């Protein structure tokens, strides 16, 4: 499955929408995503599983890239 992760660059940052970044991570469960990212120092706000329609929409963006951890 593919997940969209909304996060802050540093774990000490307070979540502010204007500074929220996103990335796409392939994993089997949300827990696997968290395990992959736990040593990266991110403040994870939200992890969303992408269904087929949402994934098709996200792929239209020039910023779409699946991250490997």
Protein backbone atom coordinates (compact mmCIF):
# COMPACT_ATOMS: atom_id res chain seq x y z
CA UNK A 1 0.00 0.00 0.00
CA UNK A 2 1.01 3.57 -0.47
CA UNK A 3 0.70 6.10 2.35
CA UNK A 4 0.83 9.89 2.35
CA UNK A 5 2.66 11.20 5.40
CA UNK A 6 2.18 14.78 6.59
CA UNK A 7 5.02 15.89 8.83
CA UNK A 8 7.19 18.67 10.24
CA UNK A 9 10.90 18.53 9.43
CA UNK A 10 11.96 18.49 13.10
CA UNK A 11 10.30 16.61 15.94
CA UNK A 12 10.57 19.68 18.19
CA UNK A 13 8.49 21.87 15.82
CA UNK A 14 4.91 22.71 16.64
CA UNK A 15 2.64 21.62 13.77
CA UNK A 16 1.80 24.64 11.62
CA UNK A 17 0.00 24.09 8.32
CA UNK A 18 2.22 26.47 6.38
CA UNK A 19 5.33 24.45 7.32
CA UNK A 20 3.84 20.99 6.88
CA UNK A 21 5.56 18.81 4.29
CA UNK A 22 4.34 15.59 2.73
CA UNK A 23 5.94 12.43 1.45
CA UNK A 24 4.77 9.13 0.05
CA UNK A 25 5.92 5.87 1.61
CA UNK A 26 5.20 2.31 0.54
CA UNK A 27 4.48 -0.09 3.40
CA UNK A 28 2.02 -2.76 4.46
CA UNK A 29 0.54 -0.91 7.47
CA UNK A 30 0.59 2.49 9.14
CA UNK A 31 2.69 0.93 11.89
CA UNK A 32 5.33 -0.09 9.30
CA UNK A 33 5.43 3.52 8.06
CA UNK A 34 6.03 4.77 11.60
CA UNK A 35 8.79 2.17 12.11
CA UNK A 36 10.50 3.24 8.88
CA UNK A 37 10.41 6.92 9.88
CA UNK A 38 11.13 6.68 13.61
CA UNK A 39 14.87 7.41 13.25
CA UNK A 40 14.44 10.29 10.78
CA UNK A 41 13.55 12.91 13.42
CA UNK A 42 10.24 13.97 11.86
CA UNK A 43 7.18 15.16 13.74
CA UNK A 44 4.52 13.05 12.02
CA UNK A 45 1.14 14.77 11.98
CA UNK A 46 -0.93 12.32 9.97
CA UNK A 47 -0.56 9.16 7.90
CA UNK A 48 -3.19 8.51 5.25
CA UNK A 49 -3.60 5.38 3.15
CA UNK A 50 -4.14 6.27 -0.52
CA UNK A 51 -6.94 4.52 -2.37
CA UNK A 52 -6.81 4.18 -6.17
CA UNK A 53 -8.62 7.44 -6.94
CA UNK A 54 -6.60 9.50 -4.46
CA UNK A 55 -3.36 7.93 -5.71
CA UNK A 56 -4.25 8.79 -9.31
CA UNK A 57 -4.81 12.39 -8.25
CA UNK A 58 -1.53 12.57 -6.30
CA UNK A 59 0.44 11.13 -9.25
CA UNK A 60 -0.58 14.16 -11.33
CA UNK A 61 1.58 16.39 -9.12
CA UNK A 62 5.13 17.07 -10.26
CA UNK A 63 6.23 16.62 -6.63
CA UNK A 64 5.01 13.00 -6.47
CA UNK A 65 7.86 10.69 -5.46
CA UNK A 66 7.78 7.52 -3.35
CA UNK A 67 10.48 7.71 -0.67
CA UNK A 68 12.63 4.70 0.24
CA UNK A 69 13.72 4.23 3.85
